[in-house]
Every structure is written in structure tokens, then in C-alpha cells.
C-alpha atoms as a PDB file:
ATOM      1  CA  UNK A   1       0.967  -6.877  -0.679  1.00  0.00           C
ATOM      2  CA  UNK A   2       0.391 -10.620  -0.617  1.00  0.00           C
ATOM      3  CA  UNK A   3      -3.366 -10.168  -1.154  1.00  0.00           C
ATOM      4  CA  UNK A   4      -2.787  -8.121  -4.320  1.00  0.00           C
ATOM      5  CA  UNK A   5      -0.412 -10.739  -5.667  1.00  0.00           C
ATOM      6  CA  UNK A   6      -2.823 -13.538  -4.778  1.00  0.00           C
ATOM      7  CA  UNK A   7      -5.728 -11.891  -6.620  1.00  0.00           C
ATOM      8  CA  UNK A   8      -3.582 -11.214  -9.682  1.00  0.00           C
ATOM      9  CA  UNK A   9      -2.209 -14.766  -9.726  1.00  0.00           C
ATOM     10  CA  UNK A  10      -5.706 -16.297  -9.474  1.00  0.00           C
ATOM     11  CA  UNK A  11      -7.437 -13.741 -11.725  1.00  0.00           C
ATOM     12  CA  UNK A  12      -8.683 -16.339 -14.207  1.00  0.00           C
ATOM     13  CA  UNK A  13     -10.213 -18.383 -11.392  1.00  0.00           C
ATOM     14  CA  UNK A  14     -11.986 -15.258 -10.060  1.00  0.00           C
ATOM     15  CA  UNK A  15     -13.158 -14.281 -13.552  1.00  0.00           C
ATOM     16  CA  UNK A  16     -11.288 -10.959 -13.638  1.00  0.00           C
ATOM     17  CA  UNK A  17      -8.550  -9.437 -15.762  1.00  0.00           C
ATOM     18  CA  UNK A  18      -5.150  -9.609 -14.040  1.00  0.00           C
ATOM     19  CA  UNK A  19      -4.166  -6.216 -15.453  1.00  0.00           C
ATOM     20  CA  UNK A  20      -7.255  -4.469 -14.071  1.00  0.00           C
ATOM     21  CA  UNK A  21      -7.172  -4.901 -10.295  1.00  0.00           C
ATOM     22  CA  UNK A  22      -8.221  -2.154  -7.885  1.00  0.00           C
ATOM     23  CA  UNK A  23      -8.382  -1.551  -4.143  1.00  0.00           C
ATOM     24  CA  UNK A  24     -11.084   0.279  -2.175  1.00  0.00           C
ATOM     25  CA  UNK A  25     -10.869   0.891   1.579  1.00  0.00           C
ATOM     26  CA  UNK A  26     -11.354   3.579   4.177  1.00  0.00           C
ATOM     27  CA  UNK A  27      -9.351   5.021   7.049  1.00  0.00           C
ATOM     28  CA  UNK A  28      -6.373   2.790   7.931  1.00  0.00           C
ATOM     29  CA  UNK A  29      -7.457   0.376   5.186  1.00  0.00           C
ATOM     30  CA  UNK A  30      -7.357   3.346   2.831  1.00  0.00           C
ATOM     31  CA  UNK A  31      -3.718   3.813   3.786  1.00  0.00           C
ATOM     32  CA  UNK A  32      -3.041   0.192   2.817  1.00  0.00           C
ATOM     33  CA  UNK A  33      -4.962   0.584  -0.452  1.00  0.00           C
ATOM     34  CA  UNK A  34      -2.993   3.727  -1.292  1.00  0.00           C
ATOM     35  CA  UNK A  35       0.251   1.859  -0.635  1.00  0.00           C
ATOM     36  CA  UNK A  36      -0.841  -0.838  -3.113  1.00  0.00           C
ATOM     37  CA  UNK A  37      -1.317   1.882  -5.706  1.00  0.00           C
ATOM     38  CA  UNK A  38       1.820   3.918  -5.051  1.00  0.00           C
ATOM     39  CA  UNK A  39       4.622   1.562  -4.054  1.00  0.00           C
ATOM     40  CA  UNK A  40       6.513  -0.227  -6.800  1.00  0.00           C
ATOM     41  CA  UNK A  41       6.096  -3.892  -6.002  1.00  0.00           C
ATOM     42  CA  UNK A  42       6.898  -5.936  -9.057  1.00  0.00           C
ATOM     43  CA  UNK A  43       7.350  -9.311  -7.408  1.00  0.00           C
ATOM     44  CA  UNK A  44      10.384 -11.559  -7.381  1.00  0.00           C
ATOM     45  CA  UNK A  45      10.712 -13.655 -10.564  1.00  0.00           C
ATOM     46  CA  UNK A  46      13.014 -16.086  -8.731  1.00  0.00           C
ATOM     47  CA  UNK A  47      10.724 -16.739  -5.747  1.00  0.00           C
ATOM     48  CA  UNK A  48       9.702 -20.402  -5.465  1.00  0.00           C
ATOM     49  CA  UNK A  49       6.124 -19.332  -4.641  1.00  0.00           C
ATOM     50  CA  UNK A  50       4.379 -18.351  -7.913  1.00  0.00           C
ATOM     51  CA  UNK A  51       2.133 -15.872  -6.064  1.00  0.00           C
ATOM     52  CA  UNK A  52       5.190 -13.893  -4.930  1.00  0.00           C
ATOM     53  CA  UNK A  53       6.303 -13.547  -8.554  1.00  0.00           C
ATOM     54  CA  UNK A  54       3.269 -11.371  -9.319  1.00  0.00           C
ATOM     55  CA  UNK A  55       3.087  -7.593  -9.040  1.00  0.00           C
ATOM     56  CA  UNK A  56       1.155  -6.311  -6.040  1.00  0.00           C
ATOM     57  CA  UNK A  57       0.474  -2.888  -7.576  1.00  0.00           C
ATOM     58  CA  UNK A  58      -3.150  -2.101  -8.359  1.00  0.00           C
ATOM     59  CA  UNK A  59      -4.397  -0.001 -11.264  1.00  0.00           C
ATOM     60  CA  UNK A  60      -7.110   1.846  -9.349  1.00  0.00           C
ATOM     61  CA  UNK A  61      -7.351   3.095  -5.768  1.00  0.00           C
ATOM     62  CA  UNK A  62     -10.379   4.441  -3.934  1.00  0.00           C
ATOM     63  CA  UNK A  63      -9.115   5.502  -0.517  1.00  0.00           C
ATOM     64  CA  UNK A  64     -11.656   7.115   1.784  1.00  0.00           C
ATOM     65  CA  UNK A  65     -10.063   9.330   4.463  1.00  0.00           C
ATOM     66  CA  UNK A  66      -6.665   7.608   4.554  1.00  0.00           C
ATOM     67  CA  UNK A  67      -3.807   8.999   6.617  1.00  0.00           C
ATOM     68  CA  UNK A  68      -1.331   9.888   3.859  1.00  0.00           C
ATOM     69  CA  UNK A  69       0.761  12.533   5.645  1.00  0.00           C
ATOM     70  CA  UNK A  70       2.012  10.893   8.842  1.00  0.00           C
ATOM     71  CA  UNK A  71       4.743  13.417   9.635  1.00  0.00           C
ATOM     72  CA  UNK A  72       2.073  15.922  10.638  1.00  0.00           C
ATOM     73  CA  UNK A  73       1.219  13.692  13.594  1.00  0.00           C
ATOM     74  CA  UNK A  74       4.805  13.481  14.873  1.00  0.00           C
ATOM     75  CA  UNK A  75       5.002  17.013  16.200  1.00  0.00           C
ATOM     76  CA  UNK A  76       3.360  18.455  19.272  1.00  0.00           C
ATOM     77  CA  UNK A  77       3.259  15.271  21.329  1.00  0.00           C
ATOM     78  CA  UNK A  78       1.122  13.374  18.803  1.00  0.00           C
ATOM     79  CA  UNK A  79       3.688  10.650  18.120  1.00  0.00           C
ATOM     80  CA  UNK A  80       1.462   8.175  19.977  1.00  0.00           C
ATOM     81  CA  UNK A  81      -0.986   8.435  17.058  1.00  0.00           C
ATOM     82  CA  UNK A  82       1.686   7.248  14.599  1.00  0.00           C
ATOM     83  CA  UNK A  83       2.895   4.580  17.023  1.00  0.00           C
ATOM     84  CA  UNK A  84      -0.644   3.282  17.448  1.00  0.00           C
ATOM     85  CA  UNK A  85      -1.236   3.290  13.699  1.00  0.00           C
ATOM     86  CA  UNK A  86       2.036   1.680  12.590  1.00  0.00           C
ATOM     87  CA  UNK A  87       2.677  -0.369  15.721  1.00  0.00           C
ATOM     88  CA  UNK A  88       5.993   1.436  16.185  1.00  0.00           C
ATOM     89  CA  UNK A  89       7.512   4.900  16.110  1.00  0.00           C
ATOM     90  CA  UNK A  90       9.536   5.079  12.897  1.00  0.00           C
ATOM     91  CA  UNK A  91      13.156   6.129  12.999  1.00  0.00           C
ATOM     92  CA  UNK A  92      14.112   9.166  11.027  1.00  0.00           C
ATOM     93  CA  UNK A  93      11.629  10.860   8.770  1.00  0.00           C
ATOM     94  CA  UNK A  94       8.253   9.087   8.731  1.00  0.00           C
ATOM     95  CA  UNK A  95       7.010  11.508   6.117  1.00  0.00           C
ATOM     96  CA  UNK A  96       9.078   9.897   3.370  1.00  0.00           C
ATOM     97  CA  UNK A  97       8.842   6.217   4.174  1.00  0.00           C
ATOM     98  CA  UNK A  98       5.295   5.839   5.469  1.00  0.00           C
ATOM     99  CA  UNK A  99       3.402   8.748   3.916  1.00  0.00           C
ATOM    100  CA  UNK A 100       2.048   7.610   0.562  1.00  0.00           C
ATOM    101  CA  UNK A 101       1.848  11.150  -0.805  1.00  0.00           C
ATOM    102  CA  UNK A 102       5.624  10.974  -1.387  1.00  0.00           C
ATOM    103  CA  UNK A 103       5.412   7.830  -3.522  1.00  0.00           C
ATOM    104  CA  UNK A 104       3.392   9.322  -6.376  1.00  0.00           C
ATOM    105  CA  UNK A 105       4.611  10.704  -9.669  1.00  0.00           C
ATOM    106  CA  UNK A 106       3.079  12.321 -12.731  1.00  0.00           C
ATOM    107  CA  UNK A 107       2.692   9.992 -15.695  1.00  0.00           C
END
């Protein structure tokens, strides 16, 4: 999230439009890119760091082969896949919190 905010905050320096930022990654990086595009992350207007005041959400995502449905890996003894990917085994329902497919909506 910090990287998206940093790029948006320094958009003029990079010669890009702050309102037209995208993310492109594959595999586990694709999961991170999809999170940048699906999670509402508006920034904190009261944060002392101006970068943290920026939105981290991107306007375009190209995610090649990202794991978007993690709950499918939790059954049948495959929980080690999720643990290896996230660095922990999530409590409760991983499908809702960590699977980006559940953070999309029609516009």
C-alpha cells in the first residue's frame, strides 16, 4: 500500500498523472496488485506523513495468475500453501479477508 501512496504523492516528479496509476504483476505479486485495485484505501488525512494521506488504490490492474480464491487451498490438507503464501494461517474464513474476489463490486 505504501508504494501506491508514494507513487501518487510524487506523481509530478515522476511525470505521471496521480489519478491514472496502475499495477502489473504476476503470481503472488499479482495478488498484491489485485489488492491495490480492490481494497478501499483512501489514506489518513490526519497522518503527519504526507505520503500516508494519499490513496493507495490504483485505477488499473493487470494481474497474471494471481491467487484470488485462497479458501480453496484450505481444505484437504493444503493449508500449508496458504500459510506459506501469507506467512500465517488465517483465523476464521480466509476466503473473505484474503481472497480479492470478494472485494469487487459492479460500478
